[in-house]
Amino acid sequence: MSSVSPNSIFGLLKNNLYTIVLPLIVAAFVWMAVGVLDNECRKSTQSDSVKFVKRAHIIFGIISTIYAALNILKLHPAGRKIVGNIM
């Protein structure tokens, strides 16, 4: 059995499972839910609860996408400088 090199893309993903992979999965799920709300709830578009849930999904999708993007940038030395200046 060969082990995965920590410097390979799979090694980086394995080492950053909770900071990159999981937020991307959450973001994909949340963005998919927004699409389902758009397509399936046409008759309920006037409903306040549907509007609230849709806005909440959009906000959580934006937050998880930005979080994952910042953690991806941290993997590169130039990205660390950019993220360091932001945070």
PDB file of N, CA and C in Angstrom:
ATOM      1  N   MET A   1       0.834  -1.178   0.000  1.00  0.00           N
ATOM      2  CA  MET A   1       0.000   0.000   0.000  1.00  0.00           C
ATOM      3  C   MET A   1       0.878   1.240   0.000  1.00  0.00           C
ATOM      4  N   SER A   2       0.548   2.175  -0.861  1.00  0.00           N
ATOM      5  CA  SER A   2       1.307   3.420  -0.879  1.00  0.00           C
ATOM      6  C   SER A   2       0.545   4.474  -0.084  1.00  0.00           C
ATOM      7  N   SER A   3       1.287   5.256   0.638  1.00  0.00           N
ATOM      8  CA  SER A   3       0.627   6.308   1.407  1.00  0.00           C
ATOM      9  C   SER A   3       0.558   7.577   0.560  1.00  0.00           C
ATOM     10  N   VAL A   4      -0.343   8.432   0.929  1.00  0.00           N
ATOM     11  CA  VAL A   4      -0.557   9.670   0.192  1.00  0.00           C
ATOM     12  C   VAL A   4       0.439  10.703   0.686  1.00  0.00           C
ATOM     13  N   SER A   5       1.136  11.335  -0.246  1.00  0.00           N
ATOM     14  CA  SER A   5       2.099  12.365   0.111  1.00  0.00           C
ATOM     15  C   SER A   5       1.367  13.587   0.665  1.00  0.00           C
ATOM     16  N   PRO A   6       1.844  14.168   1.761  1.00  0.00           N
ATOM     17  CA  PRO A   6       1.173  15.336   2.330  1.00  0.00           C
ATOM     18  C   PRO A   6       1.200  16.548   1.399  1.00  0.00           C
ATOM     19  N   ASN A   7       2.112  16.558   0.427  1.00  0.00           N
ATOM     20  CA  ASN A   7       2.207  17.694  -0.488  1.00  0.00           C
ATOM     21  C   ASN A   7       1.362  17.520  -1.740  1.00  0.00           C
ATOM     22  N   SER A   8       0.765  16.339  -1.927  1.00  0.00           N
ATOM     23  CA  SER A   8      -0.094  16.133  -3.092  1.00  0.00           C
ATOM     24  C   SER A   8      -1.465  16.736  -2.817  1.00  0.00           C
ATOM     25  N   ILE A   9      -2.269  16.849  -3.861  1.00  0.00           N
ATOM     26  CA  ILE A   9      -3.602  17.435  -3.700  1.00  0.00           C
ATOM     27  C   ILE A   9      -4.451  16.580  -2.767  1.00  0.00           C
ATOM     28  N   PHE A  10      -4.316  15.253  -2.843  1.00  0.00           N
ATOM     29  CA  PHE A  10      -5.101  14.383  -1.972  1.00  0.00           C
ATOM     30  C   PHE A  10      -4.613  14.473  -0.530  1.00  0.00           C
ATOM     31  N   GLY A  11      -3.315  14.630  -0.350  1.00  0.00           N
ATOM     32  CA  GLY A  11      -2.787  14.814   0.994  1.00  0.00           C
ATOM     33  C   GLY A  11      -3.254  16.118   1.621  1.00  0.00           C
ATOM     34  N   LEU A  12      -3.281  17.180   0.800  1.00  0.00           N
ATOM     35  CA  LEU A  12      -3.767  18.465   1.300  1.00  0.00           C
ATOM     36  C   LEU A  12      -5.256  18.393   1.653  1.00  0.00           C
ATOM     37  N   LEU A  13      -6.037  17.718   0.811  1.00  0.00           N
ATOM     38  CA  LEU A  13      -7.461  17.572   1.110  1.00  0.00           C
ATOM     39  C   LEU A  13      -7.684  16.731   2.360  1.00  0.00           C
ATOM     40  N   LYS A  14      -6.883  15.691   2.521  1.00  0.00           N
ATOM     41  CA  LYS A  14      -7.019  14.841   3.706  1.00  0.00           C
ATOM     42  C   LYS A  14      -6.665  15.627   4.969  1.00  0.00           C
ATOM     43  N   ASN A  15      -5.606  16.425   4.900  1.00  0.00           N
ATOM     44  CA  ASN A  15      -5.182  17.199   6.060  1.00  0.00           C
ATOM     45  C   ASN A  15      -6.132  18.352   6.367  1.00  0.00           C
ATOM     46  N   ASN A  16      -6.860  18.826   5.364  1.00  0.00           N
ATOM     47  CA  ASN A  16      -7.754  19.965   5.544  1.00  0.00           C
ATOM     48  C   ASN A  16      -9.207  19.573   5.370  1.00  0.00           C
ATOM     49  N   LEU A  17      -9.551  18.374   5.785  1.00  0.00           N
ATOM     50  CA  LEU A  17     -10.902  17.858   5.591  1.00  0.00           C
ATOM     51  C   LEU A  17     -11.959  18.769   6.205  1.00  0.00           C
ATOM     52  N   TYR A  18     -11.744  19.229   7.417  1.00  0.00           N
ATOM     53  CA  TYR A  18     -12.761  20.019   8.109  1.00  0.00           C
ATOM     54  C   TYR A  18     -12.719  21.495   7.749  1.00  0.00           C
ATOM     55  N   THR A  19     -11.640  21.966   7.171  1.00  0.00           N
ATOM     56  CA  THR A  19     -11.558  23.389   6.830  1.00  0.00           C
ATOM     57  C   THR A  19     -11.852  23.678   5.365  1.00  0.00           C
ATOM     58  N   ILE A  20     -11.775  22.676   4.502  1.00  0.00           N
ATOM     59  CA  ILE A  20     -12.020  22.908   3.080  1.00  0.00           C
ATOM     60  C   ILE A  20     -13.136  22.013   2.553  1.00  0.00           C
ATOM     61  N   VAL A  21     -13.007  20.722   2.713  1.00  0.00           N
ATOM     62  CA  VAL A  21     -13.939  19.783   2.100  1.00  0.00           C
ATOM     63  C   VAL A  21     -15.335  19.906   2.711  1.00  0.00           C
ATOM     64  N   LEU A  22     -15.432  19.894   4.022  1.00  0.00           N
ATOM     65  CA  LEU A  22     -16.729  19.967   4.678  1.00  0.00           C
ATOM     66  C   LEU A  22     -17.465  21.277   4.375  1.00  0.00           C
ATOM     67  N   PRO A  23     -16.807  22.461   4.449  1.00  0.00           N
ATOM     68  CA  PRO A  23     -17.522  23.692   4.066  1.00  0.00           C
ATOM     69  C   PRO A  23     -17.981  23.701   2.613  1.00  0.00           C
ATOM     70  N   LEU A  24     -17.208  23.101   1.710  1.00  0.00           N
ATOM     71  CA  LEU A  24     -17.637  23.032   0.313  1.00  0.00           C
ATOM     72  C   LEU A  24     -18.851  22.123   0.142  1.00  0.00           C
ATOM     73  N   ILE A  25     -18.901  21.040   0.887  1.00  0.00           N
ATOM     74  CA  ILE A  25     -20.065  20.157   0.835  1.00  0.00           C
ATOM     75  C   ILE A  25     -21.298  20.872   1.389  1.00  0.00           C
ATOM     76  N   VAL A  26     -21.125  21.573   2.501  1.00  0.00           N
ATOM     77  CA  VAL A  26     -22.237  22.333   3.085  1.00  0.00           C
ATOM     78  C   VAL A  26     -22.702  23.412   2.111  1.00  0.00           C
ATOM     79  N   ALA A  27     -21.757  24.125   1.503  1.00  0.00           N
ATOM     80  CA  ALA A  27     -22.117  25.178   0.544  1.00  0.00           C
ATOM     81  C   ALA A  27     -22.880  24.596  -0.641  1.00  0.00           C
ATOM     82  N   ALA A  28     -22.422  23.465  -1.160  1.00  0.00           N
ATOM     83  CA  ALA A  28     -23.114  22.845  -2.296  1.00  0.00           C
ATOM     84  C   ALA A  28     -24.532  22.434  -1.914  1.00  0.00           C
ATOM     85  N   PHE A  29     -24.704  21.871  -0.730  1.00  0.00           N
ATOM     86  CA  PHE A  29     -26.032  21.482  -0.275  1.00  0.00           C
ATOM     87  C   PHE A  29     -26.942  22.695  -0.119  1.00  0.00           C
ATOM     88  N   VAL A  30     -26.418  23.757   0.481  1.00  0.00           N
ATOM     89  CA  VAL A  30     -27.230  24.953   0.718  1.00  0.00           C
ATOM     90  C   VAL A  30     -27.619  25.608  -0.608  1.00  0.00           C
ATOM     91  N   TRP A  31     -26.669  25.715  -1.536  1.00  0.00           N
ATOM     92  CA  TRP A  31     -26.992  26.314  -2.843  1.00  0.00           C
ATOM     93  C   TRP A  31     -27.983  25.439  -3.602  1.00  0.00           C
ATOM     94  N   MET A  32     -27.879  24.114  -3.460  1.00  0.00           N
ATOM     95  CA  MET A  32     -28.840  23.226  -4.102  1.00  0.00           C
ATOM     96  C   MET A  32     -30.237  23.437  -3.508  1.00  0.00           C
ATOM     97  N   ALA A  33     -30.306  23.638  -2.202  1.00  0.00           N
ATOM     98  CA  ALA A  33     -31.597  23.866  -1.554  1.00  0.00           C
ATOM     99  C   ALA A  33     -32.235  25.161  -2.037  1.00  0.00           C
ATOM    100  N   VAL A  34     -31.436  26.191  -2.313  1.00  0.00           N
ATOM    101  CA  VAL A  34     -31.973  27.439  -2.857  1.00  0.00           C
ATOM    102  C   VAL A  34     -32.589  27.174  -4.224  1.00  0.00           C
ATOM    103  N   GLY A  35     -31.927  26.378  -5.035  1.00  0.00           N
ATOM    104  CA  GLY A  35     -32.459  26.036  -6.344  1.00  0.00           C
ATOM    105  C   GLY A  35     -33.748  25.247  -6.245  1.00  0.00           C
ATOM    106  N   VAL A  36     -33.832  24.347  -5.285  1.00  0.00           N
ATOM    107  CA  VAL A  36     -35.058  23.577  -5.085  1.00  0.00           C
ATOM    108  C   VAL A  36     -36.187  24.501  -4.656  1.00  0.00           C
ATOM    109  N   LEU A  37     -35.887  25.436  -3.757  1.00  0.00           N
ATOM    110  CA  LEU A  37     -36.916  26.391  -3.333  1.00  0.00           C
ATOM    111  C   LEU A  37     -37.409  27.220  -4.508  1.00  0.00           C
ATOM    112  N   ASP A  38     -36.497  27.621  -5.382  1.00  0.00           N
ATOM    113  CA  ASP A  38     -36.893  28.403  -6.555  1.00  0.00           C
ATOM    114  C   ASP A  38     -37.782  27.608  -7.497  1.00  0.00           C
ATOM    115  N   ASN A  39     -37.443  26.346  -7.708  1.00  0.00           N
ATOM    116  CA  ASN A  39     -38.160  25.537  -8.695  1.00  0.00           C
ATOM    117  C   ASN A  39     -39.437  24.901  -8.160  1.00  0.00           C
ATOM    118  N   GLU A  40     -39.454  24.524  -6.906  1.00  0.00           N
ATOM    119  CA  GLU A  40     -40.572  23.752  -6.380  1.00  0.00           C
ATOM    120  C   GLU A  40     -41.614  24.582  -5.641  1.00  0.00           C
ATOM    121  N   CYS A  41     -41.269  25.768  -5.222  1.00  0.00           N
ATOM    122  CA  CYS A  41     -42.179  26.554  -4.387  1.00  0.00           C
ATOM    123  C   CYS A  41     -42.729  27.757  -5.139  1.00  0.00           C
ATOM    124  N   ARG A  42     -43.055  27.585  -6.390  1.00  0.00           N
ATOM    125  CA  ARG A  42     -43.564  28.701  -7.187  1.00  0.00           C
ATOM    126  C   ARG A  42     -44.879  29.251  -6.630  1.00  0.00           C
ATOM    127  N   LYS A  43     -45.776  28.375  -6.199  1.00  0.00           N
ATOM    128  CA  LYS A  43     -47.056  28.829  -5.661  1.00  0.00           C
ATOM    129  C   LYS A  43     -46.889  29.486  -4.294  1.00  0.00           C
ATOM    130  N   SER A  44     -45.824  29.146  -3.606  1.00  0.00           N
ATOM    131  CA  SER A  44     -45.608  29.671  -2.260  1.00  0.00           C
ATOM    132  C   SER A  44     -44.627  30.835  -2.228  1.00  0.00           C
ATOM    133  N   THR A  45     -44.364  31.452  -3.378  1.00  0.00           N
ATOM    134  CA  THR A  45     -43.380  32.532  -3.388  1.00  0.00           C
ATOM    135  C   THR A  45     -43.819  33.721  -2.559  1.00  0.00           C
ATOM    136  N   GLN A  46     -45.093  33.845  -2.288  1.00  0.00           N
ATOM    137  CA  GLN A  46     -45.582  34.942  -1.456  1.00  0.00           C
ATOM    138  C   GLN A  46     -45.494  34.609   0.028  1.00  0.00           C
ATOM    139  N   SER A  47     -45.190  33.364   0.350  1.00  0.00           N
ATOM    140  CA  SER A  47     -45.108  32.927   1.740  1.00  0.00           C
ATOM    141  C   SER A  47     -43.881  33.524   2.417  1.00  0.00           C
ATOM    142  N   ASP A  48     -44.084  34.087   3.608  1.00  0.00           N
ATOM    143  CA  ASP A  48     -42.963  34.679   4.343  1.00  0.00           C
ATOM    144  C   ASP A  48     -41.972  33.619   4.814  1.00  0.00           C
ATOM    145  N   SER A  49     -42.466  32.442   5.162  1.00  0.00           N
ATOM    146  CA  SER A  49     -41.561  31.405   5.639  1.00  0.00           C
ATOM    147  C   SER A  49     -40.658  30.901   4.514  1.00  0.00           C
ATOM    148  N   VAL A  50     -41.184  30.776   3.307  1.00  0.00           N
ATOM    149  CA  VAL A  50     -40.363  30.348   2.173  1.00  0.00           C
ATOM    150  C   VAL A  50     -39.321  31.415   1.862  1.00  0.00           C
ATOM    151  N   LYS A  51     -39.700  32.675   1.904  1.00  0.00           N
ATOM    152  CA  LYS A  51     -38.744  33.763   1.661  1.00  0.00           C
ATOM    153  C   LYS A  51     -37.650  33.769   2.713  1.00  0.00           C
ATOM    154  N   PHE A  52     -38.030  33.560   3.982  1.00  0.00           N
ATOM    155  CA  PHE A  52     -37.041  33.539   5.060  1.00  0.00           C
ATOM    156  C   PHE A  52     -36.057  32.392   4.890  1.00  0.00           C
ATOM    157  N   VAL A  53     -36.584  31.196   4.612  1.00  0.00           N
ATOM    158  CA  VAL A  53     -35.719  30.018   4.445  1.00  0.00           C
ATOM    159  C   VAL A  53     -34.788  30.218   3.254  1.00  0.00           C
ATOM    160  N   LYS A  54     -35.295  30.769   2.174  1.00  0.00           N
ATOM    161  CA  LYS A  54     -34.473  31.009   0.991  1.00  0.00           C
ATOM    162  C   LYS A  54     -33.349  31.995   1.307  1.00  0.00           C
ATOM    163  N   ARG A  55     -33.683  33.094   2.001  1.00  0.00           N
ATOM    164  CA  ARG A  55     -32.654  34.075   2.370  1.00  0.00           C
ATOM    165  C   ARG A  55     -31.631  33.470   3.327  1.00  0.00           C
ATOM    166  N   ALA A  56     -32.098  32.660   4.279  1.00  0.00           N
ATOM    167  CA  ALA A  56     -31.178  32.012   5.218  1.00  0.00           C
ATOM    168  C   ALA A  56     -30.233  31.068   4.484  1.00  0.00           C
ATOM    169  N   HIS A  57     -30.743  30.316   3.517  1.00  0.00           N
ATOM    170  CA  HIS A  57     -29.892  29.422   2.737  1.00  0.00           C
ATOM    171  C   HIS A  57     -28.870  30.210   1.926  1.00  0.00           C
ATOM    172  N   ILE A  58     -29.284  31.327   1.368  1.00  0.00           N
ATOM    173  CA  ILE A  58     -28.347  32.152   0.590  1.00  0.00           C
ATOM    174  C   ILE A  58     -27.250  32.698   1.494  1.00  0.00           C
ATOM    175  N   ILE A  59     -27.607  33.177   2.677  1.00  0.00           N
ATOM    176  CA  ILE A  59     -26.607  33.720   3.608  1.00  0.00           C
ATOM    177  C   ILE A  59     -25.634  32.637   4.043  1.00  0.00           C
ATOM    178  N   PHE A  60     -26.143  31.462   4.428  1.00  0.00           N
ATOM    179  CA  PHE A  60     -25.257  30.370   4.840  1.00  0.00           C
ATOM    180  C   PHE A  60     -24.417  29.858   3.678  1.00  0.00           C
ATOM    181  N   GLY A  61     -24.953  29.871   2.480  1.00  0.00           N
ATOM    182  CA  GLY A  61     -24.172  29.481   1.302  1.00  0.00           C
ATOM    183  C   GLY A  61     -23.020  30.430   1.052  1.00  0.00           C
ATOM    184  N   ILE A  62     -23.276  31.727   1.182  1.00  0.00           N
ATOM    185  CA  ILE A  62     -22.218  32.725   0.997  1.00  0.00           C
ATOM    186  C   ILE A  62     -21.148  32.563   2.068  1.00  0.00           C
ATOM    187  N   ILE A  63     -21.565  32.417   3.322  1.00  0.00           N
ATOM    188  CA  ILE A  63     -20.601  32.286   4.422  1.00  0.00           C
ATOM    189  C   ILE A  63     -19.736  31.043   4.254  1.00  0.00           C
ATOM    190  N   SER A  64     -20.330  29.894   3.964  1.00  0.00           N
ATOM    191  CA  SER A  64     -19.539  28.669   3.846  1.00  0.00           C
ATOM    192  C   SER A  64     -18.646  28.685   2.604  1.00  0.00           C
ATOM    193  N   THR A  65     -19.099  29.329   1.527  1.00  0.00           N
ATOM    194  CA  THR A  65     -18.261  29.439   0.331  1.00  0.00           C
ATOM    195  C   THR A  65     -17.057  30.329   0.592  1.00  0.00           C
ATOM    196  N   ILE A  66     -17.264  31.451   1.254  1.00  0.00           N
ATOM    197  CA  ILE A  66     -16.150  32.357   1.581  1.00  0.00           C
ATOM    198  C   ILE A  66     -15.177  31.689   2.541  1.00  0.00           C
ATOM    199  N   TYR A  67     -15.695  30.982   3.537  1.00  0.00           N
ATOM    200  CA  TYR A  67     -14.834  30.288   4.498  1.00  0.00           C
ATOM    201  C   TYR A  67     -13.947  29.264   3.792  1.00  0.00           C
ATOM    202  N   ALA A  68     -14.539  28.471   2.917  1.00  0.00           N
ATOM    203  CA  ALA A  68     -13.756  27.469   2.184  1.00  0.00           C
ATOM    204  C   ALA A  68     -12.750  28.137   1.255  1.00  0.00           C
ATOM    205  N   ALA A  69     -13.144  29.222   0.590  1.00  0.00           N
ATOM    206  CA  ALA A  69     -12.230  29.917  -0.322  1.00  0.00           C
ATOM    207  C   ALA A  69     -11.037  30.493   0.426  1.00  0.00           C
ATOM    208  N   LEU A  70     -11.263  31.077   1.594  1.00  0.00           N
ATOM    209  CA  LEU A  70     -10.148  31.613   2.380  1.00  0.00           C
ATOM    210  C   LEU A  70      -9.209  30.501   2.832  1.00  0.00           C
ATOM    211  N   ASN A  71      -9.757  29.353   3.202  1.00  0.00           N
ATOM    212  CA  ASN A  71      -8.898  28.240   3.607  1.00  0.00           C
ATOM    213  C   ASN A  71      -8.134  27.654   2.431  1.00  0.00           C
ATOM    214  N   ILE A  72      -8.698  27.689   1.249  1.00  0.00           N
ATOM    215  CA  ILE A  72      -7.972  27.244   0.059  1.00  0.00           C
ATOM    216  C   ILE A  72      -6.836  28.212  -0.243  1.00  0.00           C
ATOM    217  N   LEU A  73      -7.096  29.510  -0.104  1.00  0.00           N
ATOM    218  CA  LEU A  73      -6.041  30.501  -0.323  1.00  0.00           C
ATOM    219  C   LEU A  73      -4.894  30.335   0.661  1.00  0.00           C
ATOM    220  N   LYS A  74      -5.191  29.918   1.887  1.00  0.00           N
ATOM    221  CA  LYS A  74      -4.156  29.741   2.908  1.00  0.00           C
ATOM    222  C   LYS A  74      -3.149  28.656   2.554  1.00  0.00           C
ATOM    223  N   LEU A  75      -3.506  27.770   1.620  1.00  0.00           N
ATOM    224  CA  LEU A  75      -2.607  26.681   1.257  1.00  0.00           C
ATOM    225  C   LEU A  75      -1.408  27.165   0.453  1.00  0.00           C
ATOM    226  N   HIS A  76      -1.515  28.305  -0.188  1.00  0.00           N
ATOM    227  CA  HIS A  76      -0.432  28.852  -1.017  1.00  0.00           C
ATOM    228  C   HIS A  76       0.244  29.976  -0.241  1.00  0.00           C
ATOM    229  N   PRO A  77       1.576  30.090  -0.337  1.00  0.00           N
ATOM    230  CA  PRO A  77       2.268  31.157   0.408  1.00  0.00           C
ATOM    231  C   PRO A  77       1.757  32.566   0.081  1.00  0.00           C
ATOM    232  N   ALA A  78       1.484  32.838  -1.189  1.00  0.00           N
ATOM    233  CA  ALA A  78       0.954  34.160  -1.542  1.00  0.00           C
ATOM    234  C   ALA A  78      -0.454  34.337  -0.972  1.00  0.00           C
ATOM    235  N   GLY A  79      -1.224  33.264  -0.948  1.00  0.00           N
ATOM    236  CA  GLY A  79      -2.565  33.322  -0.387  1.00  0.00           C
ATOM    237  C   GLY A  79      -2.543  33.576   1.101  1.00  0.00           C
ATOM    238  N   ARG A  80      -1.524  33.031   1.790  1.00  0.00           N
ATOM    239  CA  ARG A  80      -1.400  33.278   3.231  1.00  0.00           C
ATOM    240  C   ARG A  80      -1.203  34.765   3.509  1.00  0.00           C
ATOM    241  N   LYS A  81      -0.438  35.432   2.658  1.00  0.00           N
ATOM    242  CA  LYS A  81      -0.226  36.871   2.833  1.00  0.00           C
ATOM    243  C   LYS A  81      -1.529  37.636   2.595  1.00  0.00           C
ATOM    244  N   ILE A  82      -2.280  37.233   1.570  1.00  0.00           N
ATOM    245  CA  ILE A  82      -3.560  37.902   1.249  1.00  0.00           C
ATOM    246  C   ILE A  82      -4.545  37.696   2.410  1.00  0.00           C
ATOM    247  N   VAL A  83      -4.689  36.448   2.856  1.00  0.00           N
ATOM    248  CA  VAL A  83      -5.630  36.153   3.935  1.00  0.00           C
ATOM    249  C   VAL A  83      -5.158  36.804   5.233  1.00  0.00           C
ATOM    250  N   GLY A  84      -3.855  36.835   5.454  1.00  0.00           N
ATOM    251  CA  GLY A  84      -3.319  37.477   6.647  1.00  0.00           C
ATOM    252  C   GLY A  84      -3.648  38.964   6.689  1.00  0.00           C
ATOM    253  N   ASN A  85      -3.661  39.617   5.526  1.00  0.00           N
ATOM    254  CA  ASN A  85      -4.012  41.029   5.482  1.00  0.00           C
ATOM    255  C   ASN A  85      -5.506  41.258   5.679  1.00  0.00           C
ATOM    256  N   ILE A  86      -6.321  40.279   5.268  1.00  0.00           N
ATOM    257  CA  ILE A  86      -7.764  40.403   5.421  1.00  0.00           C
ATOM    258  C   ILE A  86      -8.174  40.160   6.868  1.00  0.00           C
ATOM    259  N   MET A  87      -7.606  39.110   7.435  1.00  0.00           N
ATOM    260  CA  MET A  87      -7.991  38.734   8.804  1.00  0.00           C
ATOM    261  C   MET A  87      -7.032  39.369   9.733  1.00  0.00           C
TER     262      MET A  87
END
